[in-house]
C-alpha cells in the first residue's frame, strides 16, 4: 500500500562514477516530499548515475545521499525504480506478469511466496499501464513500447512512496506517452514523490513542478520558470540544444544520440 507519506531526497556534496572517473561531481540537491521532478541534461551528463545514487545502486565516493533521513539502502522497500531499457536482458524466460511481480519481491521477505494481496497489486499495476491482455505473454515477445509499460508496471506494483524513473516514455508511441504521463501525474497527486529523467524539454516545462539541470555537475534546480531559461539551458546543453519552429512557436529539443553508442555506461 502507498503509505501516503512521500519521501524526500537529499544529496550533499556527492561525487560518484565508474572505473576511477567521476560522472557526477559535488552534487548538492534537495527534493521535497511530494515533488514531481524532471532531471534534464545532455547524453553522458550523469542523469542515470544520479538516479542510481538515489536508489542505492551506486555508493558515492564522497558526500552523502539520504532518503527522508535514512540511507537509500534502508529506504529501498519504499522506492520504485525503472532503469533504462538498454540495461535489461529481454532473453530472460519470464512473462509480463512474472516481471511485474518482481516489483513485489522486496516486500515479501526471505522465502515467502506472493499472496493474494501481491497478485492483486500486480493485476492492478498491469491494468493501469494497459497490458491486461498481454500479462501472460513472454516479455521478450512484447514490442518496445509494451516492454516499457511492463517495467513501469513493475515499479508501481511495489506501491512506492518514491518513484525513480530513467526515461520512462522513451520508445513508446504518442498516445502511450500521454497515458503514462497521466498515470504519473495521478501517482504524484496520490502522494508519491517522483523523479524522472527526460530529453523532452517541453514536457519538463509543462509536467514537473521542479527541474534539475545536470551536466556532470548541478547547473541549476528550481521551478521550470527558474531553470528553463536560455542562459541555464545553454549552460546545461551547449551545442546539444536545438530550437525548432513549431507553428510559429519555439519548441525546445535536447539532441539525443544513441546511448549505447555514445554513453556505454548509461551515465
C-alpha atoms as a PDB file:
ATOM      1  CA  UNK A   1       0.000   0.000   0.000  1.00  0.00           C
ATOM      2  CA  UNK A   2       1.077   3.559  -0.627  1.00  0.00           C
ATOM      3  CA  UNK A   3       1.638   4.991   2.840  1.00  0.00           C
ATOM      4  CA  UNK A   4       0.578   8.476   1.803  1.00  0.00           C
ATOM      5  CA  UNK A   5       3.877   9.721   3.247  1.00  0.00           C
ATOM      6  CA  UNK A   6       6.007  10.780   0.275  1.00  0.00           C
ATOM      7  CA  UNK A   7       9.762  10.638   0.730  1.00  0.00           C
ATOM      8  CA  UNK A   8      12.276  13.461   0.488  1.00  0.00           C
ATOM      9  CA  UNK A   9      15.678  13.173  -1.186  1.00  0.00           C
ATOM     10  CA  UNK A  10      18.820  14.979  -0.086  1.00  0.00           C
ATOM     11  CA  UNK A  11      22.271  14.795  -1.672  1.00  0.00           C
ATOM     12  CA  UNK A  12      25.150  16.666  -0.084  1.00  0.00           C
ATOM     13  CA  UNK A  13      28.456  17.069  -1.917  1.00  0.00           C
ATOM     14  CA  UNK A  14      28.080  13.807  -3.841  1.00  0.00           C
ATOM     15  CA  UNK A  15      30.822  12.543  -6.149  1.00  0.00           C
ATOM     16  CA  UNK A  16      30.244   9.229  -7.991  1.00  0.00           C
ATOM     17  CA  UNK A  17      31.288   7.425 -11.160  1.00  0.00           C
ATOM     18  CA  UNK A  18      32.882   4.357 -12.672  1.00  0.00           C
ATOM     19  CA  UNK A  19      36.405   2.977 -13.084  1.00  0.00           C
ATOM     20  CA  UNK A  20      38.007   5.898 -11.348  1.00  0.00           C
ATOM     21  CA  UNK A  21      36.197   8.501 -13.477  1.00  0.00           C
ATOM     22  CA  UNK A  22      33.786  10.914 -11.805  1.00  0.00           C
ATOM     23  CA  UNK A  23      30.495  11.165 -13.711  1.00  0.00           C
ATOM     24  CA  UNK A  24      28.749  13.457 -11.230  1.00  0.00           C
ATOM     25  CA  UNK A  25      30.725  15.865  -9.092  1.00  0.00           C
ATOM     26  CA  UNK A  26      29.852  17.869  -5.986  1.00  0.00           C
ATOM     27  CA  UNK A  27      26.088  17.411  -6.317  1.00  0.00           C
ATOM     28  CA  UNK A  28      24.041  19.053  -3.567  1.00  0.00           C
ATOM     29  CA  UNK A  29      20.351  18.605  -4.171  1.00  0.00           C
ATOM     30  CA  UNK A  30      17.146  18.784  -2.138  1.00  0.00           C
ATOM     31  CA  UNK A  31      13.841  17.272  -3.265  1.00  0.00           C
ATOM     32  CA  UNK A  32      10.845  17.808  -1.008  1.00  0.00           C
ATOM     33  CA  UNK A  33       8.211  15.156  -0.197  1.00  0.00           C
ATOM     34  CA  UNK A  34       5.627  15.102  -2.980  1.00  0.00           C
ATOM     35  CA  UNK A  35       7.775  16.853  -5.582  1.00  0.00           C
ATOM     36  CA  UNK A  36       7.427  15.864  -9.246  1.00  0.00           C
ATOM     37  CA  UNK A  37      10.969  16.342 -10.547  1.00  0.00           C
ATOM     38  CA  UNK A  38      12.362  16.254 -14.053  1.00  0.00           C
ATOM     39  CA  UNK A  39      16.111  15.694 -14.492  1.00  0.00           C
ATOM     40  CA  UNK A  40      17.462  17.089 -17.755  1.00  0.00           C
ATOM     41  CA  UNK A  41      20.873  17.276 -19.400  1.00  0.00           C
ATOM     42  CA  UNK A  42      22.772  16.084 -22.464  1.00  0.00           C
ATOM     43  CA  UNK A  43      23.686  12.478 -23.076  1.00  0.00           C
ATOM     44  CA  UNK A  44      26.507  11.403 -20.753  1.00  0.00           C
ATOM     45  CA  UNK A  45      25.800  14.196 -18.259  1.00  0.00           C
ATOM     46  CA  UNK A  46      25.283  11.794 -15.346  1.00  0.00           C
ATOM     47  CA  UNK A  47      21.496  11.576 -15.179  1.00  0.00           C
ATOM     48  CA  UNK A  48      21.404   7.766 -14.843  1.00  0.00           C
ATOM     49  CA  UNK A  49      24.287   7.848 -12.374  1.00  0.00           C
ATOM     50  CA  UNK A  50      22.406  10.379 -10.248  1.00  0.00           C
ATOM     51  CA  UNK A  51      19.343   8.118 -10.146  1.00  0.00           C
ATOM     52  CA  UNK A  52      21.468   5.091  -9.202  1.00  0.00           C
ATOM     53  CA  UNK A  53      22.928   7.023  -6.280  1.00  0.00           C
ATOM     54  CA  UNK A  54      19.430   7.976  -5.120  1.00  0.00           C
ATOM     55  CA  UNK A  55      18.155   4.377  -5.171  1.00  0.00           C
ATOM     56  CA  UNK A  56      21.343   2.993  -3.611  1.00  0.00           C
ATOM     57  CA  UNK A  57      22.757   1.086  -6.584  1.00  0.00           C
ATOM     58  CA  UNK A  58      25.914   3.229  -6.518  1.00  0.00           C
ATOM     59  CA  UNK A  59      27.683   4.357  -3.347  1.00  0.00           C
ATOM     60  CA  UNK A  60      29.114   7.885  -3.592  1.00  0.00           C
ATOM     61  CA  UNK A  61      32.878   8.231  -3.392  1.00  0.00           C
ATOM     62  CA  UNK A  62      32.338  11.366  -1.372  1.00  0.00           C
ATOM     63  CA  UNK A  63      29.295  13.025   0.152  1.00  0.00           C
ATOM     64  CA  UNK A  64      26.013  11.535   1.325  1.00  0.00           C
ATOM     65  CA  UNK A  65      22.626  10.596  -0.110  1.00  0.00           C
ATOM     66  CA  UNK A  66      19.640  10.475   2.235  1.00  0.00           C
ATOM     67  CA  UNK A  67      16.020   9.451   1.709  1.00  0.00           C
ATOM     68  CA  UNK A  68      13.911  11.155   4.381  1.00  0.00           C
ATOM     69  CA  UNK A  69      16.929  10.980   6.678  1.00  0.00           C
ATOM     70  CA  UNK A  70      17.752   7.318   6.020  1.00  0.00           C
ATOM     71  CA  UNK A  71      20.311   5.758   3.715  1.00  0.00           C
ATOM     72  CA  UNK A  72      18.983   4.631   0.312  1.00  0.00           C
ATOM     73  CA  UNK A  73      19.537   1.018   1.403  1.00  0.00           C
ATOM     74  CA  UNK A  74      17.268   1.399   4.434  1.00  0.00           C
ATOM     75  CA  UNK A  75      14.594   3.150   2.356  1.00  0.00           C
ATOM     76  CA  UNK A  76      14.782   0.730  -0.588  1.00  0.00           C
ATOM     77  CA  UNK A  77      11.491  -1.062   0.151  1.00  0.00           C
ATOM     78  CA  UNK A  78       9.704   2.250  -0.314  1.00  0.00           C
ATOM     79  CA  UNK A  79      11.421   3.107  -3.626  1.00  0.00           C
ATOM     80  CA  UNK A  80      10.244   2.014  -7.074  1.00  0.00           C
ATOM     81  CA  UNK A  81      12.898   2.163  -9.807  1.00  0.00           C
ATOM     82  CA  UNK A  82      12.753   1.969 -13.591  1.00  0.00           C
ATOM     83  CA  UNK A  83      16.191   1.670 -15.264  1.00  0.00           C
ATOM     84  CA  UNK A  84      16.818   2.364 -18.915  1.00  0.00           C
ATOM     85  CA  UNK A  85      15.593  -0.482 -21.113  1.00  0.00           C
ATOM     86  CA  UNK A  86      19.122  -0.848 -22.530  1.00  0.00           C
ATOM     87  CA  UNK A  87      20.147  -2.269 -19.140  1.00  0.00           C
ATOM     88  CA  UNK A  88      17.567  -5.098 -19.203  1.00  0.00           C
ATOM     89  CA  UNK A  89      18.027  -8.627 -20.571  1.00  0.00           C
ATOM     90  CA  UNK A  90      14.889  -9.465 -22.546  1.00  0.00           C
ATOM     91  CA  UNK A  91      16.046 -13.021 -23.128  1.00  0.00           C
ATOM     92  CA  UNK A  92      15.090 -13.827 -19.548  1.00  0.00           C
ATOM     93  CA  UNK A  93      12.371 -16.541 -19.638  1.00  0.00           C
ATOM     94  CA  UNK A  94       9.515 -14.725 -17.896  1.00  0.00           C
ATOM     95  CA  UNK A  95       6.131 -13.443 -18.911  1.00  0.00           C
ATOM     96  CA  UNK A  96       4.735  -9.968 -18.311  1.00  0.00           C
ATOM     97  CA  UNK A  97       3.011 -10.978 -15.052  1.00  0.00           C
ATOM     98  CA  UNK A  98       6.217 -12.538 -13.672  1.00  0.00           C
ATOM     99  CA  UNK A  99       8.239  -9.419 -14.492  1.00  0.00           C
ATOM    100  CA  UNK A 100       5.743  -7.119 -12.791  1.00  0.00           C
ATOM    101  CA  UNK A 101       5.608  -9.451  -9.756  1.00  0.00           C
ATOM    102  CA  UNK A 102       9.343  -8.817  -9.294  1.00  0.00           C
ATOM    103  CA  UNK A 103       8.331  -5.386  -8.040  1.00  0.00           C
ATOM    104  CA  UNK A 104       6.759  -7.087  -5.014  1.00  0.00           C
ATOM    105  CA  UNK A 105       9.706  -9.277  -4.032  1.00  0.00           C
ATOM    106  CA  UNK A 106      11.432  -6.656  -1.884  1.00  0.00           C
ATOM    107  CA  UNK A 107       8.430  -6.566   0.449  1.00  0.00           C
ATOM    108  CA  UNK A 108       7.854 -10.328   0.667  1.00  0.00           C
ATOM    109  CA  UNK A 109      10.777 -11.326   2.863  1.00  0.00           C
ATOM    110  CA  UNK A 110      13.011 -14.366   2.660  1.00  0.00           C
ATOM    111  CA  UNK A 111      11.454 -17.488   1.062  1.00  0.00           C
ATOM    112  CA  UNK A 112       7.915 -16.072   1.171  1.00  0.00           C
ATOM    113  CA  UNK A 113       5.630 -16.673  -1.789  1.00  0.00           C
ATOM    114  CA  UNK A 114       3.380 -13.964  -3.244  1.00  0.00           C
ATOM    115  CA  UNK A 115      -0.051 -13.897  -1.660  1.00  0.00           C
ATOM    116  CA  UNK A 116      -3.442 -12.628  -2.734  1.00  0.00           C
ATOM    117  CA  UNK A 117      -2.588  -9.004  -1.995  1.00  0.00           C
ATOM    118  CA  UNK A 118       0.578  -9.249  -4.101  1.00  0.00           C
ATOM    119  CA  UNK A 119      -1.286 -10.738  -7.052  1.00  0.00           C
ATOM    120  CA  UNK A 120      -3.986  -8.084  -6.806  1.00  0.00           C
ATOM    121  CA  UNK A 121      -1.348  -5.331  -6.766  1.00  0.00           C
ATOM    122  CA  UNK A 122       0.309  -6.821  -9.857  1.00  0.00           C
ATOM    123  CA  UNK A 123      -3.022  -7.140 -11.691  1.00  0.00           C
ATOM    124  CA  UNK A 124      -3.835  -3.524 -10.833  1.00  0.00           C
ATOM    125  CA  UNK A 125      -0.423  -2.254 -11.997  1.00  0.00           C
ATOM    126  CA  UNK A 126      -0.685  -4.146 -15.287  1.00  0.00           C
ATOM    127  CA  UNK A 127      -4.180  -2.772 -15.854  1.00  0.00           C
ATOM    128  CA  UNK A 128      -3.028   0.782 -15.137  1.00  0.00           C
ATOM    129  CA  UNK A 129      -0.479   0.610 -17.966  1.00  0.00           C
ATOM    130  CA  UNK A 130      -2.963  -1.044 -20.346  1.00  0.00           C
ATOM    131  CA  UNK A 131      -1.357  -4.501 -20.624  1.00  0.00           C
ATOM    132  CA  UNK A 132      -4.005  -6.768 -19.096  1.00  0.00           C
ATOM    133  CA  UNK A 133      -4.403  -8.699 -22.353  1.00  0.00           C
ATOM    134  CA  UNK A 134      -0.636  -9.278 -22.512  1.00  0.00           C
ATOM    135  CA  UNK A 135       0.108 -10.317 -18.947  1.00  0.00           C
ATOM    136  CA  UNK A 136       0.856 -13.951 -19.870  1.00  0.00           C
ATOM    137  CA  UNK A 137       2.951 -13.039 -22.932  1.00  0.00           C
ATOM    138  CA  UNK A 138       6.730 -13.649 -22.720  1.00  0.00           C
ATOM    139  CA  UNK A 139       8.488 -10.361 -22.037  1.00  0.00           C
ATOM    140  CA  UNK A 140      10.813 -10.948 -24.988  1.00  0.00           C
ATOM    141  CA  UNK A 141       7.862 -11.080 -27.394  1.00  0.00           C
ATOM    142  CA  UNK A 142       6.398  -7.721 -26.395  1.00  0.00           C
ATOM    143  CA  UNK A 143       7.010  -4.641 -28.513  1.00  0.00           C
ATOM    144  CA  UNK A 144       9.399  -1.979 -27.268  1.00  0.00           C
ATOM    145  CA  UNK A 145       6.559   0.211 -26.031  1.00  0.00           C
ATOM    146  CA  UNK A 146       4.843  -2.720 -24.312  1.00  0.00           C
ATOM    147  CA  UNK A 147       8.082  -3.659 -22.576  1.00  0.00           C
ATOM    148  CA  UNK A 148       8.443  -0.114 -21.306  1.00  0.00           C
ATOM    149  CA  UNK A 149       4.913  -0.225 -19.926  1.00  0.00           C
ATOM    150  CA  UNK A 150       5.603  -3.603 -18.299  1.00  0.00           C
ATOM    151  CA  UNK A 151       8.622  -2.267 -16.446  1.00  0.00           C
ATOM    152  CA  UNK A 152       6.744   0.831 -15.364  1.00  0.00           C
ATOM    153  CA  UNK A 153       4.106  -1.545 -14.001  1.00  0.00           C
ATOM    154  CA  UNK A 154       6.847  -3.409 -12.115  1.00  0.00           C
ATOM    155  CA  UNK A 155       7.953  -0.148 -10.495  1.00  0.00           C
ATOM    156  CA  UNK A 156       4.440   0.889  -9.423  1.00  0.00           C
ATOM    157  CA  UNK A 157       3.422  -2.651  -8.310  1.00  0.00           C
ATOM    158  CA  UNK A 158       5.683  -2.103  -5.330  1.00  0.00           C
ATOM    159  CA  UNK A 159       3.363   0.743  -4.317  1.00  0.00           C
ATOM    160  CA  UNK A 160       6.337   3.005  -3.560  1.00  0.00           C
ATOM    161  CA  UNK A 161       6.477   6.339  -1.798  1.00  0.00           C
ATOM    162  CA  UNK A 162       9.340   7.419  -4.073  1.00  0.00           C
ATOM    163  CA  UNK A 163       9.321   6.560  -7.786  1.00  0.00           C
ATOM    164  CA  UNK A 164      12.601   6.957  -9.700  1.00  0.00           C
ATOM    165  CA  UNK A 165      12.324   6.620 -13.489  1.00  0.00           C
ATOM    166  CA  UNK A 166      15.032   6.680 -16.164  1.00  0.00           C
ATOM    167  CA  UNK A 167      13.499   7.787 -19.480  1.00  0.00           C
ATOM    168  CA  UNK A 168      10.016   6.324 -18.776  1.00  0.00           C
ATOM    169  CA  UNK A 169       8.389   7.456 -22.041  1.00  0.00           C
ATOM    170  CA  UNK A 170      11.237   6.628 -24.407  1.00  0.00           C
ATOM    171  CA  UNK A 171      10.305   4.198 -27.187  1.00  0.00           C
ATOM    172  CA  UNK A 172       6.524   4.441 -26.840  1.00  0.00           C
ATOM    173  CA  UNK A 173       4.032   5.996 -29.247  1.00  0.00           C
ATOM    174  CA  UNK A 174       2.453   9.379 -28.637  1.00  0.00           C
ATOM    175  CA  UNK A 175      -0.841   8.069 -27.232  1.00  0.00           C
ATOM    176  CA  UNK A 176       1.039   5.833 -24.779  1.00  0.00           C
ATOM    177  CA  UNK A 177       3.250   8.765 -23.787  1.00  0.00           C
ATOM    178  CA  UNK A 178       0.147  10.774 -22.877  1.00  0.00           C
ATOM    179  CA  UNK A 179      -1.357   7.823 -20.974  1.00  0.00           C
ATOM    180  CA  UNK A 180       1.829   7.172 -18.979  1.00  0.00           C
ATOM    181  CA  UNK A 181       2.300  10.873 -18.269  1.00  0.00           C
ATOM    182  CA  UNK A 182      -1.271  10.988 -16.948  1.00  0.00           C
ATOM    183  CA  UNK A 183      -0.587   7.926 -14.775  1.00  0.00           C
ATOM    184  CA  UNK A 184       2.499   9.549 -13.248  1.00  0.00           C
ATOM    185  CA  UNK A 185       0.508  12.702 -12.510  1.00  0.00           C
ATOM    186  CA  UNK A 186      -2.137  10.563 -10.761  1.00  0.00           C
ATOM    187  CA  UNK A 187       0.512   8.815  -8.657  1.00  0.00           C
ATOM    188  CA  UNK A 188       2.064  12.139  -7.710  1.00  0.00           C
ATOM    189  CA  UNK A 189      -1.311  13.525  -6.650  1.00  0.00           C
ATOM    190  CA  UNK A 190      -1.830  10.349  -4.578  1.00  0.00           C
ATOM    191  CA  UNK A 191       1.286  11.191  -2.565  1.00  0.00           C
ATOM    192  CA  UNK A 192       4.246   9.705  -4.434  1.00  0.00           C
ATOM    193  CA  UNK A 193       7.446  11.685  -4.859  1.00  0.00           C
ATOM    194  CA  UNK A 194       8.570  11.207  -8.483  1.00  0.00           C
ATOM    195  CA  UNK A 195      11.988  11.800 -10.056  1.00  0.00           C
ATOM    196  CA  UNK A 196      12.244  11.212 -13.800  1.00  0.00           C
ATOM    197  CA  UNK A 197      14.901  11.856 -16.417  1.00  0.00           C
ATOM    198  CA  UNK A 198      13.708  13.207 -19.748  1.00  0.00           C
ATOM    199  CA  UNK A 199      15.040  14.548 -23.037  1.00  0.00           C
ATOM    200  CA  UNK A 200      11.746  16.349 -23.758  1.00  0.00           C
ATOM    201  CA  UNK A 201      12.192  19.914 -22.542  1.00  0.00           C
ATOM    202  CA  UNK A 202       8.637  20.888 -23.451  1.00  0.00           C
ATOM    203  CA  UNK A 203       7.430  18.052 -21.226  1.00  0.00           C
ATOM    204  CA  UNK A 204       9.747  19.305 -18.476  1.00  0.00           C
ATOM    205  CA  UNK A 205       8.200  22.761 -18.800  1.00  0.00           C
ATOM    206  CA  UNK A 206       4.617  21.522 -18.553  1.00  0.00           C
ATOM    207  CA  UNK A 207       4.679  18.413 -16.333  1.00  0.00           C
ATOM    208  CA  UNK A 208       7.136  18.927 -13.469  1.00  0.00           C
ATOM    209  CA  UNK A 209       6.972  21.290 -10.529  1.00  0.00           C
ATOM    210  CA  UNK A 210      10.763  21.136 -10.205  1.00  0.00           C
ATOM    211  CA  UNK A 211      13.549  20.723 -12.763  1.00  0.00           C
ATOM    212  CA  UNK A 212      17.131  19.634 -12.109  1.00  0.00           C
ATOM    213  CA  UNK A 213      19.632  20.695 -14.802  1.00  0.00           C
ATOM    214  CA  UNK A 214      22.679  18.439 -14.887  1.00  0.00           C
ATOM    215  CA  UNK A 215      25.920  18.414 -16.840  1.00  0.00           C
ATOM    216  CA  UNK A 216      28.174  16.257 -14.647  1.00  0.00           C
ATOM    217  CA  UNK A 217      27.654  18.962 -12.059  1.00  0.00           C
ATOM    218  CA  UNK A 218      24.472  20.621 -10.879  1.00  0.00           C
ATOM    219  CA  UNK A 219      23.822  23.563 -13.178  1.00  0.00           C
ATOM    220  CA  UNK A 220      20.508  24.611 -11.618  1.00  0.00           C
ATOM    221  CA  UNK A 221      17.489  23.375  -9.670  1.00  0.00           C
ATOM    222  CA  UNK A 222      14.125  25.027  -9.225  1.00  0.00           C
ATOM    223  CA  UNK A 223      10.778  25.562 -10.894  1.00  0.00           C
ATOM    224  CA  UNK A 224      10.520  25.305 -14.708  1.00  0.00           C
ATOM    225  CA  UNK A 225      10.243  29.090 -14.840  1.00  0.00           C
ATOM    226  CA  UNK A 226      13.506  29.433 -12.905  1.00  0.00           C
ATOM    227  CA  UNK A 227      15.516  26.775 -14.736  1.00  0.00           C
ATOM    228  CA  UNK A 228      14.313  26.614 -18.341  1.00  0.00           C
ATOM    229  CA  UNK A 229      15.832  29.944 -19.323  1.00  0.00           C
ATOM    230  CA  UNK A 230      18.110  30.479 -22.339  1.00  0.00           C
ATOM    231  CA  UNK A 231      21.132  31.114 -20.117  1.00  0.00           C
ATOM    232  CA  UNK A 232      20.700  27.986 -17.979  1.00  0.00           C
ATOM    233  CA  UNK A 233      19.774  25.775 -20.945  1.00  0.00           C
ATOM    234  CA  UNK A 234      22.829  26.915 -22.882  1.00  0.00           C
ATOM    235  CA  UNK A 235      24.994  26.234 -19.842  1.00  0.00           C
ATOM    236  CA  UNK A 236      23.390  22.783 -19.493  1.00  0.00           C
ATOM    237  CA  UNK A 237      23.373  21.676 -23.137  1.00  0.00           C
ATOM    238  CA  UNK A 238      25.655  23.910 -25.162  1.00  0.00           C
ATOM    239  CA  UNK A 239      25.606  22.641 -28.760  1.00  0.00           C
ATOM    240  CA  UNK A 240      23.256  19.800 -27.795  1.00  0.00           C
ATOM    241  CA  UNK A 241      20.272  22.179 -27.615  1.00  0.00           C
ATOM    242  CA  UNK A 242      18.094  22.597 -30.707  1.00  0.00           C
ATOM    243  CA  UNK A 243      15.381  25.232 -31.119  1.00  0.00           C
ATOM    244  CA  UNK A 244      12.759  24.417 -33.754  1.00  0.00           C
ATOM    245  CA  UNK A 245       9.843  26.436 -35.026  1.00  0.00           C
ATOM    246  CA  UNK A 246       6.547  24.718 -34.195  1.00  0.00           C
ATOM    247  CA  UNK A 247       3.681  26.524 -35.919  1.00  0.00           C
ATOM    248  CA  UNK A 248       5.142  29.885 -35.034  1.00  0.00           C
ATOM    249  CA  UNK A 249       6.174  28.905 -31.503  1.00  0.00           C
ATOM    250  CA  UNK A 250       9.607  27.883 -30.320  1.00  0.00           C
ATOM    251  CA  UNK A 251       9.967  24.220 -29.376  1.00  0.00           C
ATOM    252  CA  UNK A 252      12.987  23.077 -27.390  1.00  0.00           C
ATOM    253  CA  UNK A 253      14.646  19.730 -28.051  1.00  0.00           C
ATOM    254  CA  UNK A 254      17.602  18.123 -26.331  1.00  0.00           C
ATOM    255  CA  UNK A 255      19.707  16.465 -29.022  1.00  0.00           C
ATOM    256  CA  UNK A 256      19.747  12.783 -28.031  1.00  0.00           C
ATOM    257  CA  UNK A 257      22.176  10.327 -29.559  1.00  0.00           C
ATOM    258  CA  UNK A 258      22.108   6.537 -29.239  1.00  0.00           C
ATOM    259  CA  UNK A 259      23.094   5.949 -25.596  1.00  0.00           C
ATOM    260  CA  UNK A 260      24.535   2.514 -26.339  1.00  0.00           C
ATOM    261  CA  UNK A 261      26.982   4.108 -28.769  1.00  0.00           C
ATOM    262  CA  UNK A 262      27.907   7.398 -27.131  1.00  0.00           C
ATOM    263  CA  UNK A 263      27.395   6.521 -23.470  1.00  0.00           C
ATOM    264  CA  UNK A 264      28.405   2.894 -22.812  1.00  0.00           C
ATOM    265  CA  UNK A 265      27.907   3.152 -19.074  1.00  0.00           C
ATOM    266  CA  UNK A 266      24.421   4.676 -19.439  1.00  0.00           C
ATOM    267  CA  UNK A 267      25.516   7.625 -17.375  1.00  0.00           C
END
